């Protein structure tokens, strides 16, 4: 089966849960050796590799390492790339079916990095779907994965949106870009959300927004 965006956003939400290591995944790696938290969910005909977003201090530290690093996959955000060669070396031995990659926030950027690694190694993923994706690298990096099916979802309305999708900011010669255009969805945060400007970024909002979008797509006559 080919997973939908709704299937994948649920896995992205699940990997944040305290019981993620023992529930819902066929393999879970907490990233104790390389700092990358990821999991595998085996579906009929597809292995889904799921990356968690920022939770630990190491995650947040890597988020701000925004220098574009030259690498075998192009110029990529240094912090997003950190630990990923080790992760891919481990994962490559475990996947047994066509691969879909997904993630939220830092996890979205890591899904991009893995997609670029797979493409460089001659084994493109069959699907790349990400949520709240920061810009992961320069054009020589993103061009490697632009052709991979899937998409990048951003939560927002006409006045506000997930600000994580705007970073890193681009200044010559480091012109950060995203691999594919934004797909807009909307689930508004509660008025008292303590995250303020970043309140549109929560994975739970993406889960609600994707569910609403898929329900509407299945029933075009449904009122907003």
N, C-alpha and C. Protein backbone atom coordinates (compact mmCIF):
# COMPACT_ATOMS: atom_id res chain seq x y z
N UNK A 1 0.83 -1.20 0.00
CA UNK A 1 0.00 0.00 0.00
C UNK A 1 0.87 1.25 0.00
N UNK A 2 0.37 2.30 -0.67
CA UNK A 2 1.05 3.59 -0.62
C UNK A 2 0.42 4.41 0.49
N UNK A 3 1.18 4.80 1.51
CA UNK A 3 0.59 5.55 2.62
C UNK A 3 0.15 6.93 2.19
N UNK A 4 -0.92 7.41 2.79
CA UNK A 4 -1.39 8.77 2.55
C UNK A 4 -0.69 9.73 3.49
N UNK A 5 -0.87 11.02 3.23
CA UNK A 5 -0.34 12.03 4.15
C UNK A 5 -0.93 11.84 5.54
N UNK A 6 -2.20 11.43 5.60
CA UNK A 6 -2.83 11.17 6.89
C UNK A 6 -2.18 10.03 7.64
N UNK A 7 -1.83 8.96 6.92
CA UNK A 7 -1.12 7.84 7.55
C UNK A 7 0.22 8.31 8.10
N UNK A 8 0.93 9.10 7.32
CA UNK A 8 2.29 9.49 7.69
C UNK A 8 2.31 10.51 8.83
N UNK A 9 1.36 11.45 8.83
CA UNK A 9 1.36 12.42 9.91
C UNK A 9 1.05 11.75 11.25
N UNK A 10 0.24 10.68 11.21
CA UNK A 10 -0.04 9.93 12.45
C UNK A 10 1.23 9.26 12.97
N UNK A 11 2.05 8.74 12.06
CA UNK A 11 3.32 8.14 12.49
C UNK A 11 4.26 9.21 13.04
N UNK A 12 4.25 10.39 12.43
CA UNK A 12 5.07 11.49 12.94
C UNK A 12 4.64 11.91 14.34
N UNK A 13 3.33 11.88 14.60
CA UNK A 13 2.84 12.19 15.95
C UNK A 13 3.21 11.08 16.92
N UNK A 14 3.11 9.82 16.47
CA UNK A 14 3.39 8.67 17.34
C UNK A 14 4.84 8.66 17.83
N UNK A 15 5.79 9.08 16.98
CA UNK A 15 7.19 8.97 17.37
C UNK A 15 7.56 9.94 18.50
N UNK A 16 6.71 10.94 18.74
CA UNK A 16 6.94 11.86 19.87
C UNK A 16 6.45 11.26 21.19
N UNK A 17 5.62 10.23 21.13
CA UNK A 17 4.99 9.73 22.34
C UNK A 17 6.00 9.00 23.24
N UNK A 18 5.80 9.07 24.56
CA UNK A 18 6.73 8.40 25.49
C UNK A 18 6.85 6.90 25.27
N UNK A 19 5.78 6.27 24.73
CA UNK A 19 5.80 4.81 24.52
C UNK A 19 6.19 4.42 23.10
N UNK A 20 6.76 5.37 22.34
CA UNK A 20 7.07 5.11 20.93
C UNK A 20 8.03 3.94 20.76
N UNK A 21 8.92 3.75 21.71
CA UNK A 21 9.92 2.68 21.59
C UNK A 21 9.29 1.29 21.67
N UNK A 22 8.12 1.18 22.27
CA UNK A 22 7.52 -0.15 22.49
C UNK A 22 6.15 -0.29 21.84
N UNK A 23 5.69 0.75 21.16
CA UNK A 23 4.34 0.69 20.62
C UNK A 23 4.27 1.39 19.27
N UNK A 24 3.76 0.69 18.28
CA UNK A 24 3.45 1.33 17.00
C UNK A 24 4.48 1.21 15.91
N UNK A 25 5.71 0.80 16.25
CA UNK A 25 6.75 0.71 15.24
C UNK A 25 7.37 -0.68 15.23
N UNK A 26 7.90 -1.06 14.07
CA UNK A 26 8.59 -2.35 13.95
C UNK A 26 10.05 -2.24 14.36
N UNK A 27 10.59 -1.04 14.33
CA UNK A 27 11.95 -0.78 14.83
C UNK A 27 11.98 0.65 15.32
N UNK A 28 12.65 0.88 16.44
CA UNK A 28 12.78 2.23 17.00
C UNK A 28 14.22 2.45 17.42
N UNK A 29 14.79 3.58 17.05
CA UNK A 29 16.16 3.95 17.42
C UNK A 29 16.12 5.30 18.10
N UNK A 30 16.48 5.35 19.36
CA UNK A 30 16.42 6.58 20.14
C UNK A 30 17.56 7.54 19.81
N UNK A 31 18.53 7.08 19.01
CA UNK A 31 19.63 7.96 18.62
C UNK A 31 20.71 8.10 19.67
N UNK A 32 20.89 7.10 20.51
CA UNK A 32 21.90 7.21 21.57
C UNK A 32 23.32 7.28 21.02
N UNK A 33 23.55 6.72 19.82
CA UNK A 33 24.90 6.72 19.26
C UNK A 33 25.16 7.87 18.28
N UNK A 34 24.12 8.36 17.62
CA UNK A 34 24.34 9.40 16.61
C UNK A 34 23.46 10.64 16.79
N UNK A 35 22.59 10.63 17.79
CA UNK A 35 21.74 11.78 18.05
C UNK A 35 20.54 11.91 17.12
N UNK A 36 20.25 10.87 16.33
CA UNK A 36 19.12 10.91 15.39
C UNK A 36 18.07 9.91 15.85
N UNK A 37 16.88 10.39 16.20
CA UNK A 37 15.78 9.52 16.61
C UNK A 37 14.91 9.20 15.39
N UNK A 38 14.75 7.89 15.12
CA UNK A 38 13.99 7.47 13.95
C UNK A 38 13.37 6.11 14.20
N UNK A 39 12.46 5.73 13.33
CA UNK A 39 11.77 4.45 13.48
C UNK A 39 11.36 3.92 12.11
N UNK A 40 11.05 2.64 12.06
CA UNK A 40 10.54 2.00 10.86
C UNK A 40 9.16 1.42 11.14
N UNK A 41 8.22 1.70 10.26
CA UNK A 41 6.91 1.08 10.28
C UNK A 41 6.76 0.30 8.97
N UNK A 42 6.58 -1.02 9.08
CA UNK A 42 6.47 -1.85 7.88
C UNK A 42 5.00 -1.97 7.47
N UNK A 43 4.70 -1.47 6.30
CA UNK A 43 3.36 -1.61 5.72
C UNK A 43 3.43 -2.65 4.61
N UNK A 44 2.30 -3.02 4.10
CA UNK A 44 2.23 -3.98 3.00
C UNK A 44 2.80 -3.32 1.74
N UNK A 45 4.03 -3.68 1.38
CA UNK A 45 4.67 -3.16 0.18
C UNK A 45 5.50 -1.92 0.38
N UNK A 46 5.66 -1.46 1.61
CA UNK A 46 6.40 -0.21 1.84
C UNK A 46 6.94 -0.17 3.27
N UNK A 47 8.22 0.18 3.42
CA UNK A 47 8.81 0.46 4.73
C UNK A 47 8.83 1.98 4.92
N UNK A 48 8.17 2.46 5.96
CA UNK A 48 8.15 3.89 6.24
C UNK A 48 9.21 4.22 7.28
N UNK A 49 10.12 5.12 6.95
CA UNK A 49 11.13 5.60 7.89
C UNK A 49 10.67 6.96 8.42
N UNK A 50 10.51 7.04 9.73
CA UNK A 50 9.93 8.20 10.40
C UNK A 50 10.99 8.86 11.28
N UNK A 51 11.15 10.18 11.15
CA UNK A 51 12.11 10.93 11.96
C UNK A 51 11.38 11.83 12.95
N UNK A 52 11.84 11.82 14.19
CA UNK A 52 11.28 12.70 15.23
C UNK A 52 11.86 14.10 15.10
N UNK A 53 11.09 15.09 15.48
CA UNK A 53 11.57 16.47 15.54
C UNK A 53 12.33 16.74 16.82
N UNK A 54 12.56 18.00 17.11
CA UNK A 54 13.42 18.41 18.22
C UNK A 54 12.76 18.15 19.57
N UNK A 55 13.50 17.42 20.41
CA UNK A 55 13.06 17.12 21.78
C UNK A 55 14.21 17.37 22.77
N UNK A 56 15.40 16.91 22.42
CA UNK A 56 16.54 16.99 23.34
C UNK A 56 17.33 18.28 23.14
N UNK A 57 18.22 18.57 24.09
CA UNK A 57 19.10 19.72 23.96
C UNK A 57 20.01 19.57 22.74
N UNK A 58 20.45 18.34 22.46
CA UNK A 58 21.27 18.12 21.27
C UNK A 58 20.50 18.44 20.00
N UNK A 59 19.21 18.08 19.97
CA UNK A 59 18.38 18.43 18.82
C UNK A 59 18.35 19.94 18.61
N UNK A 60 18.08 20.67 19.69
CA UNK A 60 17.98 22.13 19.56
C UNK A 60 19.32 22.74 19.17
N UNK A 61 20.41 22.19 19.68
CA UNK A 61 21.74 22.69 19.32
C UNK A 61 22.00 22.48 17.83
N UNK A 62 21.59 21.33 17.32
CA UNK A 62 21.80 21.06 15.89
C UNK A 62 20.92 21.94 15.02
N UNK A 63 19.75 22.32 15.52
CA UNK A 63 18.87 23.20 14.74
C UNK A 63 19.55 24.52 14.38
N UNK A 64 20.39 25.03 15.28
CA UNK A 64 20.97 26.36 15.06
C UNK A 64 22.32 26.32 14.35
N UNK A 65 22.82 25.12 14.02
CA UNK A 65 24.06 24.99 13.26
C UNK A 65 23.74 25.14 11.77
N UNK A 66 23.48 26.38 11.36
CA UNK A 66 22.86 26.61 10.05
C UNK A 66 23.86 26.87 8.94
N UNK A 67 25.15 26.72 9.17
CA UNK A 67 26.12 26.86 8.10
C UNK A 67 25.88 25.76 7.06
N UNK A 68 25.91 26.12 5.78
CA UNK A 68 25.71 25.13 4.71
C UNK A 68 27.01 24.36 4.49
N UNK A 69 26.96 23.08 4.79
CA UNK A 69 28.14 22.22 4.74
C UNK A 69 28.25 21.54 3.37
N UNK A 70 29.40 21.65 2.68
CA UNK A 70 29.57 20.87 1.45
C UNK A 70 29.71 19.39 1.79
N UNK A 71 28.97 18.54 1.09
CA UNK A 71 28.97 17.11 1.40
C UNK A 71 28.76 16.33 0.11
N UNK A 72 28.72 15.03 0.23
CA UNK A 72 28.51 14.19 -0.96
C UNK A 72 27.10 14.33 -1.51
N UNK A 73 26.20 14.94 -0.74
CA UNK A 73 24.83 15.15 -1.21
C UNK A 73 24.54 16.62 -1.50
N UNK A 74 25.59 17.42 -1.60
CA UNK A 74 25.41 18.84 -1.86
C UNK A 74 25.59 19.67 -0.60
N UNK A 75 25.33 20.96 -0.71
CA UNK A 75 25.47 21.87 0.44
C UNK A 75 24.21 21.75 1.32
N UNK A 76 24.40 21.21 2.52
CA UNK A 76 23.29 20.89 3.40
C UNK A 76 23.51 21.55 4.77
N UNK A 77 22.45 21.91 5.43
CA UNK A 77 22.47 22.47 6.79
C UNK A 77 23.29 21.55 7.70
N UNK A 78 24.32 22.08 8.31
CA UNK A 78 25.25 21.27 9.09
C UNK A 78 24.55 20.48 10.19
N UNK A 79 23.64 21.13 10.92
CA UNK A 79 22.97 20.45 12.02
C UNK A 79 22.02 19.37 11.58
N UNK A 80 21.36 19.58 10.43
CA UNK A 80 20.43 18.57 9.92
C UNK A 80 21.19 17.33 9.42
N UNK A 81 22.38 17.55 8.92
CA UNK A 81 23.20 16.46 8.36
C UNK A 81 23.90 15.64 9.45
N UNK A 82 24.13 16.27 10.61
CA UNK A 82 24.89 15.62 11.70
C UNK A 82 24.24 14.30 12.09
N UNK A 83 25.04 13.24 12.11
CA UNK A 83 24.57 11.92 12.53
C UNK A 83 23.87 11.13 11.45
N UNK A 84 23.57 11.74 10.31
CA UNK A 84 22.73 11.07 9.31
C UNK A 84 23.47 10.01 8.50
N UNK A 85 24.76 10.17 8.29
CA UNK A 85 25.50 9.13 7.57
C UNK A 85 25.48 7.83 8.38
N UNK A 86 25.66 7.96 9.70
CA UNK A 86 25.62 6.78 10.58
C UNK A 86 24.22 6.18 10.57
N UNK A 87 23.21 7.05 10.67
CA UNK A 87 21.83 6.57 10.67
C UNK A 87 21.51 5.79 9.39
N UNK A 88 21.88 6.35 8.24
CA UNK A 88 21.58 5.70 6.96
C UNK A 88 22.34 4.38 6.82
N UNK A 89 23.55 4.32 7.34
CA UNK A 89 24.31 3.07 7.31
C UNK A 89 23.56 1.98 8.07
N UNK A 90 22.97 2.34 9.22
CA UNK A 90 22.19 1.38 10.00
C UNK A 90 20.89 1.01 9.29
N UNK A 91 20.19 2.02 8.82
CA UNK A 91 18.86 1.82 8.23
C UNK A 91 18.94 1.01 6.94
N UNK A 92 19.96 1.24 6.16
CA UNK A 92 20.11 0.58 4.87
C UNK A 92 20.09 -0.95 4.99
N UNK A 93 20.56 -1.44 6.14
CA UNK A 93 20.61 -2.89 6.37
C UNK A 93 19.25 -3.45 6.79
N UNK A 94 18.32 -2.57 7.19
CA UNK A 94 17.07 -3.01 7.78
C UNK A 94 15.88 -2.95 6.84
N UNK A 95 15.90 -2.00 5.91
CA UNK A 95 14.74 -1.87 5.02
C UNK A 95 14.74 -3.00 4.00
N UNK A 96 13.58 -3.58 3.77
CA UNK A 96 13.46 -4.73 2.88
C UNK A 96 12.45 -4.50 1.76
N UNK A 97 11.81 -3.32 1.76
CA UNK A 97 10.80 -2.99 0.77
C UNK A 97 11.09 -1.58 0.23
N UNK A 98 10.36 -1.14 -0.78
CA UNK A 98 10.45 0.27 -1.17
C UNK A 98 10.23 1.16 0.05
N UNK A 99 10.93 2.31 0.08
CA UNK A 99 10.98 3.16 1.27
C UNK A 99 10.24 4.47 1.07
N UNK A 100 9.42 4.83 2.06
CA UNK A 100 8.85 6.17 2.17
C UNK A 100 9.50 6.85 3.36
N UNK A 101 9.82 8.14 3.23
CA UNK A 101 10.44 8.88 4.33
C UNK A 101 9.51 10.01 4.77
N UNK A 102 9.47 10.24 6.08
CA UNK A 102 8.60 11.28 6.61
C UNK A 102 9.17 11.82 7.91
N UNK A 103 8.71 13.00 8.30
CA UNK A 103 9.15 13.60 9.55
C UNK A 103 8.52 14.97 9.73
N UNK A 104 8.62 15.47 10.94
CA UNK A 104 8.08 16.78 11.31
C UNK A 104 9.20 17.63 11.87
N UNK A 105 9.29 18.90 11.44
CA UNK A 105 10.26 19.84 11.99
C UNK A 105 11.69 19.39 11.68
N UNK A 106 12.55 19.26 12.68
CA UNK A 106 13.88 18.70 12.45
C UNK A 106 13.78 17.35 11.76
N UNK A 107 12.77 16.56 12.11
CA UNK A 107 12.56 15.28 11.46
C UNK A 107 12.25 15.41 9.98
N UNK A 108 11.58 16.49 9.58
CA UNK A 108 11.31 16.73 8.17
C UNK A 108 12.61 16.97 7.42
N UNK A 109 13.48 17.80 8.00
CA UNK A 109 14.77 18.06 7.38
C UNK A 109 15.61 16.79 7.28
N UNK A 110 15.55 15.96 8.31
CA UNK A 110 16.29 14.69 8.26
C UNK A 110 15.71 13.75 7.22
N UNK A 111 14.41 13.77 7.02
CA UNK A 111 13.81 12.99 5.95
C UNK A 111 14.34 13.46 4.60
N UNK A 112 14.51 14.77 4.44
CA UNK A 112 15.11 15.30 3.22
C UNK A 112 16.53 14.79 3.03
N UNK A 113 17.31 14.82 4.11
CA UNK A 113 18.70 14.35 4.03
C UNK A 113 18.74 12.88 3.64
N UNK A 114 17.90 12.06 4.25
CA UNK A 114 17.89 10.65 3.90
C UNK A 114 17.48 10.45 2.45
N UNK A 115 16.49 11.21 1.99
CA UNK A 115 16.08 11.10 0.59
C UNK A 115 17.23 11.43 -0.35
N UNK A 116 18.01 12.46 -0.01
CA UNK A 116 19.15 12.83 -0.84
C UNK A 116 20.23 11.75 -0.81
N UNK A 117 20.44 11.15 0.35
CA UNK A 117 21.41 10.05 0.45
C UNK A 117 20.96 8.87 -0.40
N UNK A 118 19.68 8.52 -0.30
CA UNK A 118 19.18 7.41 -1.08
C UNK A 118 19.30 7.68 -2.57
N UNK A 119 18.97 8.89 -2.99
CA UNK A 119 19.08 9.26 -4.39
C UNK A 119 20.53 9.18 -4.86
N UNK A 120 21.44 9.70 -4.06
CA UNK A 120 22.87 9.67 -4.40
C UNK A 120 23.37 8.24 -4.51
N UNK A 121 22.82 7.35 -3.68
CA UNK A 121 23.23 5.95 -3.68
C UNK A 121 22.44 5.10 -4.68
N UNK A 122 21.63 5.76 -5.52
CA UNK A 122 20.95 5.07 -6.59
C UNK A 122 19.71 4.30 -6.18
N UNK A 123 19.08 4.69 -5.06
CA UNK A 123 17.87 4.00 -4.62
C UNK A 123 16.85 4.99 -4.06
N UNK A 124 16.26 5.78 -4.94
CA UNK A 124 15.30 6.80 -4.52
C UNK A 124 14.20 6.23 -3.65
N UNK A 125 13.78 6.97 -2.63
CA UNK A 125 12.56 6.57 -1.92
C UNK A 125 11.36 6.71 -2.85
N UNK A 126 10.33 5.92 -2.58
CA UNK A 126 9.13 6.01 -3.42
C UNK A 126 8.24 7.17 -3.02
N UNK A 127 8.49 7.74 -1.83
CA UNK A 127 7.64 8.81 -1.32
C UNK A 127 8.40 9.60 -0.27
N UNK A 128 8.24 10.92 -0.31
CA UNK A 128 8.78 11.82 0.71
C UNK A 128 7.68 12.80 1.09
N UNK A 129 7.18 12.68 2.32
CA UNK A 129 6.13 13.57 2.79
C UNK A 129 6.57 14.14 4.13
N UNK A 130 6.62 15.48 4.21
CA UNK A 130 7.15 16.12 5.42
C UNK A 130 6.20 17.21 5.90
N UNK A 131 6.33 17.54 7.20
CA UNK A 131 5.41 18.48 7.86
C UNK A 131 6.23 19.50 8.64
N UNK A 132 5.91 20.79 8.46
CA UNK A 132 6.64 21.84 9.17
C UNK A 132 8.12 21.82 8.84
N UNK A 133 8.43 21.72 7.55
CA UNK A 133 9.80 21.51 7.08
C UNK A 133 10.60 22.81 7.04
N UNK A 134 11.72 22.90 7.77
CA UNK A 134 12.65 24.01 7.55
C UNK A 134 13.38 23.82 6.22
N UNK A 135 13.97 24.87 5.71
CA UNK A 135 14.72 24.76 4.45
C UNK A 135 16.03 24.01 4.72
N UNK A 136 16.26 22.87 4.04
CA UNK A 136 17.34 21.99 4.46
C UNK A 136 18.70 22.23 3.82
N UNK A 137 18.76 22.97 2.72
CA UNK A 137 20.06 23.12 2.08
C UNK A 137 19.99 24.02 0.87
N UNK A 138 21.08 24.06 0.10
CA UNK A 138 21.18 24.89 -1.09
C UNK A 138 20.68 24.09 -2.31
N UNK A 139 20.62 24.75 -3.45
CA UNK A 139 19.98 24.16 -4.62
C UNK A 139 20.66 22.87 -5.08
N UNK A 140 21.98 22.74 -4.89
CA UNK A 140 22.64 21.51 -5.33
C UNK A 140 22.22 20.32 -4.46
N UNK A 141 21.77 20.60 -3.25
CA UNK A 141 21.21 19.55 -2.38
C UNK A 141 19.76 19.26 -2.74
N UNK A 142 18.93 20.30 -2.77
CA UNK A 142 17.50 20.09 -2.95
C UNK A 142 17.15 19.53 -4.33
N UNK A 143 17.97 19.82 -5.34
CA UNK A 143 17.69 19.31 -6.68
C UNK A 143 17.77 17.79 -6.74
N UNK A 144 18.46 17.18 -5.80
CA UNK A 144 18.58 15.72 -5.78
C UNK A 144 17.27 15.03 -5.42
N UNK A 145 16.39 15.75 -4.73
CA UNK A 145 15.17 15.10 -4.24
C UNK A 145 13.89 15.74 -4.76
N UNK A 146 14.02 16.78 -5.57
CA UNK A 146 12.83 17.49 -6.04
C UNK A 146 11.90 16.59 -6.85
N UNK A 147 12.46 15.57 -7.53
CA UNK A 147 11.64 14.71 -8.39
C UNK A 147 10.93 13.59 -7.63
N UNK A 148 11.27 13.39 -6.35
CA UNK A 148 10.69 12.29 -5.57
C UNK A 148 9.23 12.62 -5.25
N UNK A 149 8.30 11.70 -5.49
CA UNK A 149 6.89 11.99 -5.22
C UNK A 149 6.64 12.33 -3.74
N UNK A 150 5.61 13.13 -3.50
CA UNK A 150 5.25 13.47 -2.13
C UNK A 150 4.97 14.95 -1.99
N UNK A 151 5.33 15.52 -0.85
CA UNK A 151 5.09 16.94 -0.65
C UNK A 151 5.49 17.42 0.73
N UNK A 152 5.43 18.74 0.89
CA UNK A 152 5.81 19.41 2.13
C UNK A 152 4.64 20.26 2.60
N UNK A 153 4.10 19.93 3.78
CA UNK A 153 2.90 20.59 4.29
C UNK A 153 3.26 21.69 5.30
N UNK A 154 2.57 22.83 5.15
CA UNK A 154 2.73 23.93 6.11
C UNK A 154 1.37 24.32 6.68
N UNK A 155 1.28 24.37 8.00
CA UNK A 155 0.05 24.76 8.67
C UNK A 155 -0.04 26.28 8.74
N UNK A 156 -1.22 26.81 8.42
CA UNK A 156 -1.42 28.24 8.51
C UNK A 156 -2.75 28.67 7.93
N UNK A 157 -3.07 29.96 8.13
CA UNK A 157 -4.25 30.55 7.51
C UNK A 157 -3.78 31.75 6.69
N UNK A 158 -4.67 32.65 6.38
CA UNK A 158 -4.27 33.79 5.56
C UNK A 158 -3.43 34.82 6.28
N UNK A 159 -3.34 34.71 7.60
CA UNK A 159 -2.63 35.73 8.38
C UNK A 159 -1.42 35.18 9.14
N UNK A 160 -1.46 33.90 9.50
CA UNK A 160 -0.40 33.29 10.29
C UNK A 160 0.00 31.96 9.65
N UNK A 161 1.23 31.52 9.93
CA UNK A 161 1.63 30.20 9.49
C UNK A 161 2.77 29.69 10.36
N UNK A 162 3.14 28.45 10.14
CA UNK A 162 4.22 27.80 10.88
C UNK A 162 5.55 28.47 10.51
N UNK A 163 6.13 29.21 11.45
CA UNK A 163 7.33 30.00 11.17
C UNK A 163 8.58 29.14 10.96
N UNK A 164 8.56 27.91 11.43
CA UNK A 164 9.71 27.04 11.22
C UNK A 164 9.97 26.81 9.73
N UNK A 165 8.91 26.89 8.93
CA UNK A 165 9.08 26.69 7.49
C UNK A 165 9.81 27.85 6.81
N UNK A 166 10.05 28.95 7.53
CA UNK A 166 10.74 30.11 6.95
C UNK A 166 12.25 30.07 7.18
N UNK A 167 12.73 29.18 8.03
CA UNK A 167 14.14 29.18 8.38
C UNK A 167 14.84 27.95 7.79
N UNK A 168 16.18 28.02 7.67
CA UNK A 168 17.06 29.17 7.92
C UNK A 168 16.81 30.30 6.91
N UNK A 169 17.08 31.53 7.34
CA UNK A 169 16.98 32.65 6.43
C UNK A 169 18.13 32.61 5.44
N UNK A 170 17.89 33.11 4.25
CA UNK A 170 18.87 33.03 3.17
C UNK A 170 19.57 34.36 2.97
N UNK A 171 20.89 34.31 2.95
CA UNK A 171 21.72 35.46 2.64
C UNK A 171 22.82 34.99 1.69
N UNK A 172 23.07 35.70 0.59
CA UNK A 172 24.14 35.29 -0.32
C UNK A 172 25.47 35.16 0.45
N UNK A 173 26.25 34.11 0.17
CA UNK A 173 26.05 33.11 -0.89
C UNK A 173 25.25 31.89 -0.41
N UNK A 174 24.73 31.90 0.82
CA UNK A 174 24.00 30.74 1.33
C UNK A 174 22.49 30.94 1.08
N UNK A 175 22.07 30.53 -0.09
CA UNK A 175 20.67 30.69 -0.49
C UNK A 175 19.91 29.39 -0.20
N UNK A 176 19.40 29.30 1.02
CA UNK A 176 18.64 28.10 1.40
C UNK A 176 17.32 28.05 0.64
N UNK A 177 16.98 26.87 0.15
CA UNK A 177 15.72 26.67 -0.57
C UNK A 177 15.09 25.36 -0.09
N UNK A 178 13.84 25.14 -0.48
CA UNK A 178 13.17 23.88 -0.15
C UNK A 178 13.07 23.02 -1.40
N UNK A 179 13.01 21.71 -1.24
CA UNK A 179 13.00 20.83 -2.41
C UNK A 179 11.74 20.94 -3.26
N UNK A 180 10.58 21.19 -2.62
CA UNK A 180 9.31 21.22 -3.34
C UNK A 180 8.44 22.34 -2.79
N UNK A 181 7.46 22.82 -3.56
CA UNK A 181 6.58 23.88 -3.08
C UNK A 181 5.78 23.45 -1.85
N UNK A 182 5.38 24.45 -1.09
CA UNK A 182 4.56 24.23 0.10
C UNK A 182 3.14 23.80 -0.28
N UNK A 183 2.59 22.85 0.49
CA UNK A 183 1.18 22.50 0.41
C UNK A 183 0.53 23.07 1.68
N UNK A 184 -0.44 23.94 1.52
CA UNK A 184 -1.02 24.64 2.68
C UNK A 184 -2.20 23.86 3.26
N UNK A 185 -2.18 23.72 4.57
CA UNK A 185 -3.30 23.15 5.32
C UNK A 185 -3.54 24.04 6.53
N UNK A 186 -4.66 23.85 7.19
CA UNK A 186 -4.96 24.76 8.30
C UNK A 186 -5.68 24.09 9.46
N UNK A 187 -5.06 24.19 10.64
CA UNK A 187 -5.71 23.87 11.91
C UNK A 187 -5.17 24.89 12.91
N UNK A 188 -6.02 25.75 13.38
CA UNK A 188 -5.57 26.86 14.22
C UNK A 188 -5.27 26.41 15.65
N UNK A 189 -4.22 26.97 16.26
CA UNK A 189 -3.93 26.67 17.66
C UNK A 189 -4.91 27.36 18.58
N UNK A 190 -5.03 26.87 19.82
CA UNK A 190 -5.89 27.58 20.78
C UNK A 190 -5.32 28.95 21.10
N UNK A 191 -6.18 29.87 21.45
CA UNK A 191 -5.76 31.25 21.69
C UNK A 191 -4.74 31.38 22.81
N UNK A 192 -4.78 30.45 23.78
CA UNK A 192 -3.89 30.55 24.93
C UNK A 192 -2.63 29.70 24.78
N UNK A 193 -2.30 29.27 23.56
CA UNK A 193 -1.12 28.43 23.35
C UNK A 193 0.13 29.18 23.82
N UNK A 194 0.93 28.50 24.65
CA UNK A 194 2.09 29.16 25.27
C UNK A 194 3.28 29.32 24.33
N UNK A 195 3.20 28.72 23.13
CA UNK A 195 4.33 28.82 22.20
C UNK A 195 4.29 30.10 21.38
N UNK A 196 3.25 30.89 21.52
CA UNK A 196 3.21 32.20 20.87
C UNK A 196 3.39 32.12 19.37
N UNK A 197 4.45 32.76 18.85
CA UNK A 197 4.70 32.85 17.42
C UNK A 197 4.88 31.48 16.76
N UNK A 198 5.27 30.49 17.56
CA UNK A 198 5.51 29.16 17.00
C UNK A 198 4.33 28.20 17.23
N UNK A 199 3.19 28.75 17.63
CA UNK A 199 2.06 27.90 18.02
C UNK A 199 1.46 27.12 16.85
N UNK A 200 1.74 27.53 15.62
CA UNK A 200 1.20 26.82 14.45
C UNK A 200 2.04 25.60 14.09
N UNK A 201 3.09 25.33 14.83
CA UNK A 201 4.05 24.29 14.46
C UNK A 201 3.73 22.92 15.04
N UNK A 202 2.83 22.81 16.01
CA UNK A 202 2.62 21.55 16.72
C UNK A 202 2.20 20.41 15.78
N UNK A 203 2.75 19.23 16.00
CA UNK A 203 2.42 18.08 15.17
C UNK A 203 0.94 17.72 15.29
N UNK A 204 0.34 17.96 16.46
CA UNK A 204 -1.09 17.65 16.63
C UNK A 204 -1.95 18.50 15.69
N UNK A 205 -1.52 19.74 15.43
CA UNK A 205 -2.27 20.59 14.50
C UNK A 205 -2.14 20.07 13.07
N UNK A 206 -0.95 19.62 12.72
CA UNK A 206 -0.78 19.01 11.39
C UNK A 206 -1.66 17.77 11.25
N UNK A 207 -1.74 16.98 12.30
CA UNK A 207 -2.57 15.78 12.26
C UNK A 207 -4.03 16.16 12.01
N UNK A 208 -4.51 17.18 12.72
CA UNK A 208 -5.90 17.62 12.55
C UNK A 208 -6.11 18.24 11.18
N UNK A 209 -5.15 19.04 10.71
CA UNK A 209 -5.29 19.72 9.43
C UNK A 209 -5.31 18.74 8.26
N UNK A 210 -4.43 17.74 8.30
CA UNK A 210 -4.38 16.75 7.23
C UNK A 210 -5.67 15.91 7.23
N UNK A 211 -6.14 15.53 8.41
CA UNK A 211 -7.39 14.77 8.50
C UNK A 211 -8.54 15.56 7.89
N UNK A 212 -8.61 16.85 8.19
CA UNK A 212 -9.68 17.69 7.64
C UNK A 212 -9.56 17.81 6.13
N UNK A 213 -8.32 17.99 5.64
CA UNK A 213 -8.11 18.13 4.20
C UNK A 213 -8.47 16.84 3.46
N UNK A 214 -8.12 15.69 4.03
CA UNK A 214 -8.42 14.42 3.37
C UNK A 214 -9.92 14.13 3.40
N UNK A 215 -10.59 14.51 4.48
CA UNK A 215 -12.04 14.33 4.55
C UNK A 215 -12.74 15.20 3.50
N UNK A 216 -12.26 16.42 3.34
CA UNK A 216 -12.85 17.32 2.35
C UNK A 216 -12.59 16.81 0.94
N UNK A 217 -11.37 16.29 0.69
CA UNK A 217 -11.05 15.77 -0.64
C UNK A 217 -11.90 14.55 -0.99
N UNK A 218 -12.23 13.75 0.03
CA UNK A 218 -13.06 12.56 -0.21
C UNK A 218 -14.51 12.93 -0.45
N UNK A 219 -14.93 14.12 0.01
CA UNK A 219 -16.31 14.57 -0.15
C UNK A 219 -16.30 16.03 -0.60
N UNK A 220 -16.13 16.29 -1.89
CA UNK A 220 -16.02 17.66 -2.38
C UNK A 220 -17.21 18.56 -2.06
N UNK A 221 -18.36 17.96 -1.75
CA UNK A 221 -19.55 18.74 -1.44
C UNK A 221 -19.59 19.20 0.01
N UNK A 222 -18.62 18.69 0.79
CA UNK A 222 -18.62 19.02 2.23
C UNK A 222 -18.34 20.51 2.42
N UNK A 223 -19.12 21.14 3.30
CA UNK A 223 -18.91 22.56 3.59
C UNK A 223 -17.67 22.75 4.44
N UNK A 224 -17.04 23.91 4.32
CA UNK A 224 -15.87 24.22 5.14
C UNK A 224 -16.29 24.44 6.60
